[in-house]
N, C-alpha and C. Protein backbone atom coordinates (compact mmCIF):
# COMPACT_ATOMS: atom_id res chain seq x y z
N MET A 1 0.83 -1.20 0.00
CA MET A 1 0.00 0.00 0.00
C MET A 1 0.88 1.26 0.00
N ILE A 2 0.67 2.11 -0.96
CA ILE A 2 1.39 3.39 -1.02
C ILE A 2 0.51 4.47 -0.41
N THR A 3 1.00 5.12 0.63
CA THR A 3 0.24 6.19 1.27
C THR A 3 0.61 7.54 0.66
N VAL A 4 -0.40 8.38 0.48
CA VAL A 4 -0.21 9.64 -0.25
C VAL A 4 -0.77 10.82 0.53
N GLY A 5 -0.04 11.93 0.50
CA GLY A 5 -0.52 13.19 1.04
C GLY A 5 -0.73 14.16 -0.12
N ILE A 6 -1.64 15.11 0.04
CA ILE A 6 -1.94 16.08 -1.01
C ILE A 6 -1.90 17.48 -0.43
N VAL A 7 -1.18 18.38 -1.12
CA VAL A 7 -1.17 19.80 -0.74
C VAL A 7 -1.59 20.58 -1.98
N GLU A 8 -2.83 21.05 -1.99
CA GLU A 8 -3.41 21.72 -3.16
C GLU A 8 -4.48 22.68 -2.68
N ASP A 9 -4.40 23.95 -3.10
CA ASP A 9 -5.35 24.95 -2.59
C ASP A 9 -6.66 24.98 -3.35
N ASN A 10 -6.70 24.42 -4.57
CA ASN A 10 -7.94 24.39 -5.34
C ASN A 10 -8.82 23.25 -4.83
N ARG A 11 -9.96 23.62 -4.27
CA ARG A 11 -10.80 22.62 -3.59
C ARG A 11 -11.26 21.50 -4.52
N SER A 12 -11.73 21.85 -5.71
CA SER A 12 -12.26 20.83 -6.62
C SER A 12 -11.15 19.88 -7.07
N LEU A 13 -9.97 20.43 -7.35
CA LEU A 13 -8.85 19.58 -7.75
C LEU A 13 -8.39 18.73 -6.58
N ARG A 14 -8.38 19.32 -5.40
CA ARG A 14 -7.98 18.58 -4.20
C ARG A 14 -8.90 17.37 -3.99
N GLU A 15 -10.20 17.59 -4.15
CA GLU A 15 -11.16 16.49 -3.98
C GLU A 15 -11.00 15.45 -5.08
N SER A 16 -10.74 15.92 -6.31
CA SER A 16 -10.56 15.01 -7.44
C SER A 16 -9.33 14.13 -7.24
N LEU A 17 -8.24 14.74 -6.77
CA LEU A 17 -7.02 13.97 -6.52
C LEU A 17 -7.22 12.95 -5.40
N THR A 18 -7.96 13.36 -4.37
CA THR A 18 -8.24 12.46 -3.25
C THR A 18 -9.03 11.25 -3.72
N GLN A 19 -10.06 11.49 -4.54
CA GLN A 19 -10.88 10.39 -5.07
C GLN A 19 -10.05 9.49 -5.97
N MET A 20 -9.18 10.09 -6.78
CA MET A 20 -8.33 9.31 -7.67
C MET A 20 -7.44 8.36 -6.88
N VAL A 21 -6.78 8.89 -5.84
CA VAL A 21 -5.86 8.08 -5.04
C VAL A 21 -6.62 6.96 -4.31
N ASN A 22 -7.70 7.32 -3.63
CA ASN A 22 -8.44 6.32 -2.86
C ASN A 22 -9.16 5.31 -3.75
N GLY A 23 -9.40 5.68 -4.99
CA GLY A 23 -10.09 4.77 -5.90
C GLY A 23 -9.16 3.81 -6.62
N ALA A 24 -7.86 4.01 -6.47
CA ALA A 24 -6.88 3.16 -7.15
C ALA A 24 -6.39 2.06 -6.22
N GLN A 25 -6.31 0.86 -6.73
CA GLN A 25 -5.85 -0.28 -5.93
C GLN A 25 -4.40 -0.09 -5.51
N GLY A 26 -4.13 -0.29 -4.22
CA GLY A 26 -2.77 -0.18 -3.72
C GLY A 26 -2.38 1.22 -3.29
N PHE A 27 -3.35 2.15 -3.30
CA PHE A 27 -3.08 3.52 -2.89
C PHE A 27 -4.06 3.95 -1.79
N ARG A 28 -3.60 4.81 -0.90
CA ARG A 28 -4.50 5.36 0.12
C ARG A 28 -4.07 6.77 0.48
N CYS A 29 -5.02 7.70 0.43
CA CYS A 29 -4.73 9.08 0.80
C CYS A 29 -4.85 9.23 2.31
N VAL A 30 -3.78 9.69 2.97
CA VAL A 30 -3.77 9.78 4.42
C VAL A 30 -3.74 11.22 4.94
N CYS A 31 -3.62 12.18 4.01
CA CYS A 31 -3.48 13.57 4.44
C CYS A 31 -3.84 14.49 3.28
N VAL A 32 -4.80 15.40 3.49
CA VAL A 32 -5.23 16.34 2.46
C VAL A 32 -5.18 17.75 3.03
N CYS A 33 -4.39 18.62 2.39
CA CYS A 33 -4.17 19.97 2.92
C CYS A 33 -4.41 21.03 1.85
N GLY A 34 -4.92 22.16 2.29
CA GLY A 34 -5.21 23.25 1.37
C GLY A 34 -4.17 24.35 1.37
N SER A 35 -3.13 24.23 2.18
CA SER A 35 -2.10 25.25 2.24
C SER A 35 -0.79 24.62 2.71
N ALA A 36 0.31 25.36 2.51
CA ALA A 36 1.61 24.89 2.97
C ALA A 36 1.63 24.76 4.49
N GLU A 37 0.97 25.72 5.14
CA GLU A 37 0.94 25.70 6.61
C GLU A 37 0.26 24.44 7.13
N ASP A 38 -0.88 24.08 6.51
CA ASP A 38 -1.57 22.84 6.89
C ASP A 38 -0.68 21.63 6.61
N GLY A 39 0.01 21.67 5.46
CA GLY A 39 0.87 20.56 5.10
C GLY A 39 2.00 20.35 6.09
N LEU A 40 2.62 21.45 6.51
CA LEU A 40 3.73 21.36 7.46
C LEU A 40 3.28 20.88 8.83
N ARG A 41 2.00 21.07 9.13
CA ARG A 41 1.47 20.61 10.40
C ARG A 41 1.00 19.15 10.32
N GLU A 42 0.33 18.80 9.22
CA GLU A 42 -0.32 17.48 9.13
C GLU A 42 0.57 16.38 8.54
N ILE A 43 1.40 16.71 7.56
CA ILE A 43 2.18 15.67 6.89
C ILE A 43 3.17 14.98 7.83
N PRO A 44 3.90 15.71 8.69
CA PRO A 44 4.80 15.01 9.61
C PRO A 44 4.07 14.05 10.55
N ARG A 45 2.79 14.31 10.82
CA ARG A 45 2.00 13.40 11.66
C ARG A 45 1.58 12.17 10.86
N ALA A 46 1.12 12.39 9.62
CA ALA A 46 0.59 11.29 8.80
C ALA A 46 1.70 10.45 8.18
N ARG A 47 2.87 11.06 7.91
CA ARG A 47 4.01 10.38 7.32
C ARG A 47 3.65 9.58 6.06
N PRO A 48 3.08 10.23 5.04
CA PRO A 48 2.80 9.50 3.80
C PRO A 48 4.09 9.14 3.08
N ASP A 49 4.01 8.15 2.20
CA ASP A 49 5.18 7.78 1.40
C ASP A 49 5.50 8.88 0.39
N VAL A 50 4.44 9.42 -0.23
CA VAL A 50 4.60 10.41 -1.29
C VAL A 50 3.63 11.57 -1.07
N VAL A 51 4.08 12.78 -1.35
CA VAL A 51 3.22 13.96 -1.26
C VAL A 51 3.07 14.59 -2.64
N LEU A 52 1.83 14.80 -3.08
CA LEU A 52 1.57 15.57 -4.30
C LEU A 52 1.51 17.03 -3.89
N MET A 53 2.41 17.84 -4.43
CA MET A 53 2.58 19.23 -3.97
C MET A 53 2.34 20.24 -5.09
N ASP A 54 1.40 21.15 -4.87
CA ASP A 54 1.22 22.28 -5.78
C ASP A 54 2.28 23.33 -5.46
N ILE A 55 2.61 24.18 -6.41
CA ILE A 55 3.57 25.27 -6.15
C ILE A 55 2.86 26.53 -5.69
N HIS A 56 1.79 26.90 -6.41
CA HIS A 56 1.09 28.15 -6.10
C HIS A 56 0.11 27.92 -4.95
N LEU A 57 0.52 28.32 -3.76
CA LEU A 57 -0.30 28.16 -2.56
C LEU A 57 -0.51 29.54 -1.93
N PRO A 58 -1.52 29.70 -1.07
CA PRO A 58 -1.94 31.02 -0.58
C PRO A 58 -0.87 31.88 0.08
N VAL A 59 -0.11 31.35 1.01
CA VAL A 59 0.85 32.16 1.77
C VAL A 59 2.28 31.73 1.45
N ARG A 60 2.61 30.52 1.82
CA ARG A 60 3.94 29.98 1.57
C ARG A 60 3.88 29.08 0.34
N SER A 61 4.85 29.18 -0.55
CA SER A 61 4.82 28.41 -1.80
C SER A 61 5.07 26.92 -1.55
N GLY A 62 4.71 26.11 -2.54
CA GLY A 62 4.97 24.68 -2.45
C GLY A 62 6.45 24.36 -2.44
N ILE A 63 7.26 25.24 -3.04
CA ILE A 63 8.70 25.04 -3.02
C ILE A 63 9.24 25.23 -1.60
N GLU A 64 8.78 26.27 -0.93
CA GLU A 64 9.17 26.50 0.46
C GLU A 64 8.70 25.36 1.34
N CYS A 65 7.46 24.91 1.09
CA CYS A 65 6.89 23.81 1.87
C CYS A 65 7.71 22.54 1.67
N THR A 66 8.12 22.28 0.43
CA THR A 66 8.93 21.10 0.13
C THR A 66 10.25 21.14 0.89
N ARG A 67 10.92 22.29 0.84
CA ARG A 67 12.21 22.43 1.52
C ARG A 67 12.08 22.16 3.01
N ARG A 68 11.04 22.70 3.62
CA ARG A 68 10.82 22.52 5.05
C ARG A 68 10.43 21.08 5.38
N LEU A 69 9.60 20.47 4.53
CA LEU A 69 9.18 19.09 4.76
C LEU A 69 10.36 18.13 4.72
N LYS A 70 11.29 18.36 3.78
CA LYS A 70 12.45 17.49 3.67
C LYS A 70 13.36 17.61 4.89
N ASP A 71 13.30 18.76 5.55
CA ASP A 71 14.03 18.90 6.82
C ASP A 71 13.32 18.16 7.94
N LEU A 72 11.99 18.24 7.95
CA LEU A 72 11.20 17.64 9.01
C LEU A 72 11.10 16.12 8.88
N CYS A 73 10.92 15.64 7.67
CA CYS A 73 10.78 14.19 7.44
C CYS A 73 11.43 13.83 6.10
N PRO A 74 12.74 13.61 6.12
CA PRO A 74 13.51 13.36 4.89
C PRO A 74 13.03 12.17 4.06
N SER A 75 12.40 11.19 4.70
CA SER A 75 11.99 10.00 3.96
C SER A 75 10.75 10.23 3.10
N VAL A 76 10.01 11.29 3.35
CA VAL A 76 8.82 11.60 2.56
C VAL A 76 9.25 12.11 1.19
N GLN A 77 8.72 11.48 0.14
CA GLN A 77 9.05 11.88 -1.23
C GLN A 77 8.02 12.88 -1.74
N VAL A 78 8.49 13.98 -2.32
CA VAL A 78 7.60 15.04 -2.80
C VAL A 78 7.55 15.02 -4.32
N LEU A 79 6.34 14.97 -4.87
CA LEU A 79 6.11 14.99 -6.30
C LEU A 79 5.36 16.28 -6.63
N ILE A 80 6.01 17.21 -7.30
CA ILE A 80 5.38 18.48 -7.65
C ILE A 80 4.33 18.25 -8.73
N LEU A 81 3.15 18.85 -8.56
CA LEU A 81 2.07 18.78 -9.55
C LEU A 81 1.57 20.21 -9.74
N THR A 82 1.91 20.82 -10.87
CA THR A 82 1.71 22.26 -11.02
C THR A 82 1.46 22.64 -12.47
N VAL A 83 1.06 23.90 -12.68
CA VAL A 83 0.92 24.42 -14.04
C VAL A 83 2.19 25.13 -14.49
N TYR A 84 3.09 25.40 -13.55
CA TYR A 84 4.31 26.15 -13.86
C TYR A 84 5.34 25.27 -14.54
N GLU A 85 5.86 25.73 -15.68
CA GLU A 85 6.85 24.95 -16.42
C GLU A 85 8.08 25.78 -16.79
N ASP A 86 8.31 26.87 -16.05
CA ASP A 86 9.49 27.69 -16.30
C ASP A 86 10.70 27.11 -15.58
N ASN A 87 11.88 27.40 -16.12
CA ASN A 87 13.12 26.83 -15.58
C ASN A 87 13.33 27.15 -14.11
N GLU A 88 13.00 28.39 -13.71
CA GLU A 88 13.26 28.80 -12.33
C GLU A 88 12.48 27.95 -11.34
N ASN A 89 11.18 27.78 -11.57
CA ASN A 89 10.37 26.97 -10.66
C ASN A 89 10.80 25.51 -10.68
N ILE A 90 11.09 24.98 -11.85
CA ILE A 90 11.50 23.58 -11.96
C ILE A 90 12.76 23.32 -11.14
N LEU A 91 13.80 24.12 -11.40
CA LEU A 91 15.07 23.90 -10.72
C LEU A 91 15.00 24.20 -9.23
N ASN A 92 14.26 25.24 -8.87
CA ASN A 92 14.13 25.56 -7.44
C ASN A 92 13.39 24.46 -6.70
N ALA A 93 12.38 23.87 -7.33
CA ALA A 93 11.63 22.78 -6.69
C ALA A 93 12.51 21.56 -6.51
N LEU A 94 13.30 21.23 -7.53
CA LEU A 94 14.18 20.07 -7.44
C LEU A 94 15.28 20.29 -6.41
N LYS A 95 15.82 21.50 -6.38
CA LYS A 95 16.86 21.81 -5.40
C LYS A 95 16.30 21.82 -3.98
N ALA A 96 15.01 22.12 -3.84
CA ALA A 96 14.37 22.12 -2.52
C ALA A 96 14.17 20.71 -2.00
N GLY A 97 14.30 19.71 -2.89
CA GLY A 97 14.18 18.33 -2.45
C GLY A 97 13.08 17.52 -3.11
N ALA A 98 12.36 18.12 -4.08
CA ALA A 98 11.32 17.37 -4.79
C ALA A 98 11.96 16.24 -5.59
N SER A 99 11.28 15.10 -5.64
CA SER A 99 11.82 13.94 -6.36
C SER A 99 11.26 13.83 -7.77
N GLY A 100 10.27 14.63 -8.11
CA GLY A 100 9.68 14.58 -9.44
C GLY A 100 8.89 15.85 -9.71
N TYR A 101 8.53 16.07 -10.98
CA TYR A 101 7.87 17.31 -11.35
C TYR A 101 6.92 17.03 -12.51
N LEU A 102 5.62 17.11 -12.23
CA LEU A 102 4.60 16.87 -13.25
C LEU A 102 3.79 18.13 -13.51
N LEU A 103 3.36 18.30 -14.75
CA LEU A 103 2.45 19.38 -15.09
C LEU A 103 1.03 18.88 -14.95
N LYS A 104 0.12 19.77 -14.59
CA LYS A 104 -1.24 19.35 -14.28
C LYS A 104 -2.03 18.83 -15.48
N ARG A 105 -1.47 18.98 -16.67
CA ARG A 105 -2.16 18.46 -17.84
C ARG A 105 -1.95 16.96 -18.05
N VAL A 106 -1.16 16.32 -17.18
CA VAL A 106 -0.97 14.87 -17.30
C VAL A 106 -2.25 14.15 -16.90
N THR A 107 -2.37 12.90 -17.32
CA THR A 107 -3.56 12.11 -17.01
C THR A 107 -3.48 11.54 -15.59
N GLN A 108 -4.62 11.07 -15.09
CA GLN A 108 -4.64 10.45 -13.77
C GLN A 108 -3.75 9.20 -13.73
N ASP A 109 -3.76 8.42 -14.80
CA ASP A 109 -2.91 7.23 -14.85
C ASP A 109 -1.44 7.61 -14.76
N GLU A 110 -1.07 8.72 -15.40
CA GLU A 110 0.32 9.16 -15.35
C GLU A 110 0.70 9.61 -13.95
N ILE A 111 -0.24 10.23 -13.24
CA ILE A 111 0.03 10.64 -11.86
C ILE A 111 0.25 9.42 -10.98
N LEU A 112 -0.61 8.42 -11.10
CA LEU A 112 -0.48 7.21 -10.28
C LEU A 112 0.82 6.47 -10.59
N THR A 113 1.18 6.41 -11.88
CA THR A 113 2.44 5.77 -12.27
C THR A 113 3.62 6.53 -11.67
N ALA A 114 3.54 7.86 -11.70
CA ALA A 114 4.62 8.69 -11.15
C ALA A 114 4.75 8.49 -9.64
N ILE A 115 3.63 8.35 -8.95
CA ILE A 115 3.66 8.11 -7.50
C ILE A 115 4.40 6.79 -7.21
N LYS A 116 4.08 5.75 -7.98
CA LYS A 116 4.77 4.47 -7.81
C LYS A 116 6.26 4.63 -8.08
N ASP A 117 6.58 5.37 -9.14
CA ASP A 117 7.98 5.56 -9.52
C ASP A 117 8.76 6.27 -8.42
N VAL A 118 8.16 7.33 -7.86
CA VAL A 118 8.81 8.07 -6.78
C VAL A 118 9.02 7.16 -5.57
N LYS A 119 8.01 6.36 -5.24
CA LYS A 119 8.11 5.45 -4.11
C LYS A 119 9.26 4.45 -4.31
N ASP A 120 9.51 4.05 -5.58
CA ASP A 120 10.57 3.09 -5.88
C ASP A 120 11.93 3.74 -6.09
N GLY A 121 12.01 5.06 -5.87
CA GLY A 121 13.29 5.73 -5.99
C GLY A 121 13.52 6.46 -7.30
N GLY A 122 12.49 6.53 -8.15
CA GLY A 122 12.61 7.22 -9.42
C GLY A 122 12.40 8.72 -9.31
N SER A 123 12.59 9.41 -10.43
CA SER A 123 12.40 10.86 -10.48
C SER A 123 11.55 11.21 -11.71
N PRO A 124 10.25 10.92 -11.66
CA PRO A 124 9.39 11.14 -12.83
C PRO A 124 9.19 12.61 -13.14
N MET A 125 9.16 12.93 -14.43
CA MET A 125 8.92 14.30 -14.87
C MET A 125 8.10 14.27 -16.15
N SER A 126 7.27 15.29 -16.34
CA SER A 126 6.60 15.45 -17.61
C SER A 126 7.68 15.63 -18.67
N SER A 127 7.43 15.14 -19.89
CA SER A 127 8.48 15.16 -20.92
C SER A 127 9.01 16.56 -21.19
N HIS A 128 8.14 17.55 -21.20
CA HIS A 128 8.57 18.93 -21.45
C HIS A 128 9.50 19.40 -20.34
N VAL A 129 9.19 19.02 -19.10
CA VAL A 129 10.02 19.39 -17.96
C VAL A 129 11.36 18.67 -18.04
N ALA A 130 11.34 17.39 -18.38
CA ALA A 130 12.58 16.61 -18.46
C ALA A 130 13.55 17.21 -19.47
N ARG A 131 13.02 17.70 -20.59
CA ARG A 131 13.89 18.33 -21.59
C ARG A 131 14.58 19.56 -21.03
N LYS A 132 13.85 20.34 -20.23
CA LYS A 132 14.45 21.53 -19.63
C LYS A 132 15.55 21.15 -18.64
N VAL A 133 15.30 20.10 -17.86
CA VAL A 133 16.30 19.65 -16.88
C VAL A 133 17.54 19.12 -17.59
N ILE A 134 17.33 18.32 -18.65
CA ILE A 134 18.46 17.79 -19.41
C ILE A 134 19.30 18.93 -19.98
N ALA A 135 18.63 20.00 -20.40
CA ALA A 135 19.36 21.15 -20.94
C ALA A 135 20.31 21.74 -19.91
N THR A 136 19.92 21.70 -18.64
CA THR A 136 20.80 22.24 -17.59
C THR A 136 22.03 21.35 -17.40
N PHE A 137 21.90 20.04 -17.69
CA PHE A 137 23.04 19.15 -17.56
C PHE A 137 24.14 19.50 -18.56
N ARG A 138 23.75 20.16 -19.65
CA ARG A 138 24.72 20.51 -20.70
C ARG A 138 25.50 21.77 -20.34
N GLU A 139 25.04 22.45 -19.29
CA GLU A 139 25.75 23.64 -18.86
C GLU A 139 26.92 23.21 -17.99
N PRO A 140 28.14 23.69 -18.25
CA PRO A 140 29.30 23.28 -17.45
C PRO A 140 29.14 23.66 -16.00
N SER A 141 29.56 22.78 -15.12
CA SER A 141 29.51 23.06 -13.69
C SER A 141 30.73 22.48 -13.01
N ASN A 142 31.34 23.25 -12.13
CA ASN A 142 32.48 22.78 -11.36
C ASN A 142 32.11 22.49 -9.92
N GLU A 143 30.82 22.35 -9.68
CA GLU A 143 30.35 22.18 -8.31
C GLU A 143 30.39 20.71 -7.91
N PHE A 144 31.55 20.24 -7.51
CA PHE A 144 31.70 18.86 -7.05
C PHE A 144 31.94 18.88 -5.55
N PRO A 145 31.08 18.27 -4.78
CA PRO A 145 31.21 18.32 -3.34
C PRO A 145 32.49 17.66 -2.83
N ALA A 146 33.13 18.33 -1.91
CA ALA A 146 34.37 17.79 -1.35
C ALA A 146 34.13 16.45 -0.67
N ASP A 147 32.93 16.28 -0.10
CA ASP A 147 32.65 15.06 0.64
C ASP A 147 32.49 13.84 -0.26
N GLU A 148 32.54 14.05 -1.59
CA GLU A 148 32.45 12.91 -2.50
C GLU A 148 33.53 11.88 -2.19
N GLN A 149 34.70 12.35 -1.77
CA GLN A 149 35.81 11.44 -1.48
C GLN A 149 35.55 10.61 -0.23
N MET A 150 34.55 10.99 0.56
CA MET A 150 34.24 10.25 1.78
C MET A 150 33.34 9.05 1.52
N LEU A 151 32.84 8.91 0.29
CA LEU A 151 31.97 7.79 -0.03
C LEU A 151 32.76 6.48 -0.05
N SER A 152 32.12 5.43 0.42
CA SER A 152 32.75 4.12 0.37
C SER A 152 32.73 3.61 -1.07
N GLU A 153 33.46 2.54 -1.33
CA GLU A 153 33.50 1.97 -2.67
C GLU A 153 32.09 1.56 -3.12
N ARG A 154 31.33 0.98 -2.20
CA ARG A 154 29.97 0.54 -2.52
C ARG A 154 29.07 1.74 -2.80
N GLU A 155 29.22 2.80 -2.01
CA GLU A 155 28.41 4.00 -2.20
C GLU A 155 28.73 4.68 -3.52
N ASN A 156 30.01 4.67 -3.91
CA ASN A 156 30.39 5.23 -5.20
C ASN A 156 29.79 4.44 -6.35
N GLU A 157 29.68 3.13 -6.15
CA GLU A 157 29.07 2.28 -7.18
C GLU A 157 27.59 2.62 -7.31
N VAL A 158 26.91 2.79 -6.17
CA VAL A 158 25.50 3.17 -6.19
C VAL A 158 25.34 4.54 -6.84
N LEU A 159 26.22 5.48 -6.49
CA LEU A 159 26.17 6.83 -7.05
C LEU A 159 26.32 6.79 -8.56
N GLY A 160 27.19 5.92 -9.05
CA GLY A 160 27.37 5.81 -10.49
C GLY A 160 26.09 5.41 -11.20
N PHE A 161 25.38 4.41 -10.64
CA PHE A 161 24.11 4.00 -11.22
C PHE A 161 23.06 5.11 -11.09
N LEU A 162 23.10 5.80 -9.96
CA LEU A 162 22.14 6.86 -9.69
C LEU A 162 22.23 7.96 -10.73
N THR A 163 23.45 8.38 -11.06
CA THR A 163 23.64 9.47 -12.01
C THR A 163 23.30 9.06 -13.45
N LYS A 164 23.15 7.74 -13.67
CA LYS A 164 22.73 7.26 -14.98
C LYS A 164 21.22 7.10 -15.08
N GLY A 165 20.50 7.42 -13.98
CA GLY A 165 19.04 7.42 -14.02
C GLY A 165 18.36 6.15 -13.56
N TYR A 166 19.12 5.20 -13.01
CA TYR A 166 18.52 3.95 -12.55
C TYR A 166 17.72 4.18 -11.27
N THR A 167 16.60 3.46 -11.12
CA THR A 167 15.81 3.52 -9.89
C THR A 167 16.47 2.66 -8.82
N ALA A 168 16.00 2.80 -7.58
CA ALA A 168 16.56 2.01 -6.48
C ALA A 168 16.41 0.51 -6.75
N LYS A 169 15.26 0.12 -7.29
CA LYS A 169 15.03 -1.30 -7.58
C LYS A 169 15.99 -1.80 -8.66
N GLU A 170 16.19 -0.98 -9.69
CA GLU A 170 17.09 -1.38 -10.77
C GLU A 170 18.53 -1.49 -10.27
N ILE A 171 18.93 -0.57 -9.41
CA ILE A 171 20.28 -0.63 -8.84
C ILE A 171 20.43 -1.89 -7.98
N ALA A 172 19.38 -2.19 -7.20
CA ALA A 172 19.42 -3.39 -6.36
C ALA A 172 19.58 -4.64 -7.21
N ASP A 173 18.86 -4.70 -8.33
CA ASP A 173 18.96 -5.86 -9.22
C ASP A 173 20.37 -5.98 -9.80
N LYS A 174 20.95 -4.86 -10.20
CA LYS A 174 22.28 -4.88 -10.80
C LYS A 174 23.36 -5.26 -9.79
N MET A 175 23.14 -4.85 -8.53
CA MET A 175 24.15 -5.13 -7.51
C MET A 175 23.83 -6.39 -6.71
N HIS A 176 22.71 -7.04 -7.05
CA HIS A 176 22.30 -8.30 -6.43
C HIS A 176 22.13 -8.17 -4.91
N VAL A 177 21.45 -7.08 -4.51
CA VAL A 177 21.13 -6.87 -3.10
C VAL A 177 19.66 -6.44 -3.00
N GLY A 178 19.17 -6.30 -1.78
CA GLY A 178 17.79 -5.90 -1.58
C GLY A 178 17.61 -4.39 -1.79
N VAL A 179 16.38 -3.99 -2.10
CA VAL A 179 16.08 -2.57 -2.30
C VAL A 179 16.34 -1.79 -1.02
N SER A 180 16.05 -2.39 0.13
CA SER A 180 16.26 -1.70 1.41
C SER A 180 17.74 -1.38 1.61
N THR A 181 18.62 -2.27 1.14
CA THR A 181 20.06 -2.02 1.24
C THR A 181 20.46 -0.81 0.40
N ILE A 182 19.91 -0.73 -0.81
CA ILE A 182 20.20 0.40 -1.69
C ILE A 182 19.67 1.69 -1.09
N ARG A 183 18.49 1.66 -0.51
CA ARG A 183 17.93 2.87 0.10
C ARG A 183 18.79 3.34 1.27
N THR A 184 19.36 2.39 2.00
CA THR A 184 20.28 2.76 3.08
C THR A 184 21.53 3.43 2.51
N HIS A 185 22.08 2.85 1.44
CA HIS A 185 23.24 3.47 0.77
C HIS A 185 22.90 4.88 0.29
N LEU A 186 21.69 5.04 -0.28
CA LEU A 186 21.28 6.34 -0.80
C LEU A 186 21.21 7.38 0.31
N GLN A 187 20.67 6.99 1.46
CA GLN A 187 20.58 7.93 2.58
C GLN A 187 21.98 8.34 3.04
N HIS A 188 22.92 7.40 3.06
CA HIS A 188 24.31 7.72 3.43
C HIS A 188 24.93 8.67 2.41
N ILE A 189 24.66 8.42 1.13
CA ILE A 189 25.20 9.28 0.06
C ILE A 189 24.63 10.69 0.19
N TYR A 190 23.30 10.79 0.40
CA TYR A 190 22.67 12.11 0.54
C TYR A 190 23.29 12.88 1.71
N THR A 191 23.50 12.17 2.82
CA THR A 191 24.06 12.82 4.01
C THR A 191 25.48 13.33 3.74
N LYS A 192 26.30 12.48 3.12
CA LYS A 192 27.70 12.85 2.88
C LYS A 192 27.83 13.96 1.83
N LEU A 193 26.91 13.99 0.85
CA LEU A 193 26.99 15.00 -0.19
C LEU A 193 26.16 16.24 0.14
N HIS A 194 25.52 16.21 1.31
CA HIS A 194 24.71 17.35 1.76
C HIS A 194 23.58 17.68 0.78
N VAL A 195 22.88 16.65 0.33
CA VAL A 195 21.72 16.82 -0.54
C VAL A 195 20.55 16.09 0.09
N ARG A 196 19.33 16.33 -0.48
CA ARG A 196 18.14 15.74 0.12
C ARG A 196 17.35 14.84 -0.82
N SER A 197 17.80 14.71 -2.07
CA SER A 197 17.08 13.87 -3.02
C SER A 197 18.00 13.44 -4.15
N ARG A 198 17.61 12.40 -4.88
CA ARG A 198 18.39 11.93 -6.01
C ARG A 198 18.44 12.98 -7.11
N THR A 199 17.38 13.76 -7.25
CA THR A 199 17.37 14.79 -8.28
C THR A 199 18.40 15.86 -7.98
N GLU A 200 18.58 16.19 -6.70
CA GLU A 200 19.58 17.18 -6.33
C GLU A 200 20.98 16.65 -6.61
N VAL A 201 21.17 15.33 -6.46
CA VAL A 201 22.45 14.73 -6.82
C VAL A 201 22.71 14.94 -8.31
N LEU A 202 21.70 14.67 -9.14
CA LEU A 202 21.85 14.83 -10.58
C LEU A 202 22.17 16.27 -10.95
N LEU A 203 21.51 17.21 -10.29
CA LEU A 203 21.76 18.62 -10.57
C LEU A 203 23.18 19.01 -10.23
N ARG A 204 23.71 18.46 -9.16
CA ARG A 204 25.07 18.81 -8.71
C ARG A 204 26.13 18.14 -9.57
N PHE A 205 25.78 17.02 -10.21
CA PHE A 205 26.76 16.31 -11.01
C PHE A 205 26.55 16.50 -12.50
N ARG A 206 25.81 17.53 -12.89
CA ARG A 206 25.62 17.79 -14.31
C ARG A 206 26.96 18.15 -14.94
N SER A 207 27.13 17.81 -16.19
CA SER A 207 28.40 18.08 -16.86
C SER A 207 28.18 18.44 -18.31
């Protein structure tokens, strides 16, 4: 069972997303919030596996909410669901700790698939968004964390697969270990590299 939280200020969309999640086999909505403030109060209590997060919220933005949530409960995966497709919002959301970024024009099936992907360690994005992110990888960057040298041989192996876009399950299959072992390695890598998500790792290692 994948548990889901929703942070969306549009009431009709919030209700539609709730019905979609609860109506799908293997999914359950455990937290529904209309603002970032509600989300920061309720999500740490409910501890959903994945949070669907809007960006445009009444007081505090979904990007700010994401950054704070990742501090409060790092294991919660945030999937942005928004109408905004500009580079600034995309990159700021990913740097804040979001694990994926979808535009609201995607279908319900695509949202459910993305939720599963995020839960398994993936970083789903709408195709238009993915192209923008890939474009940033082509920009030269010298930002290599000094703590990279602190990674163990096994963690460096996991990092190599991670930067090639493999999910946690795919990495586990390739390394012939359990998914839980890979997730433990990932948490150690995130801690040592001072990042909060696999997407932030990709952004820092763009070349």
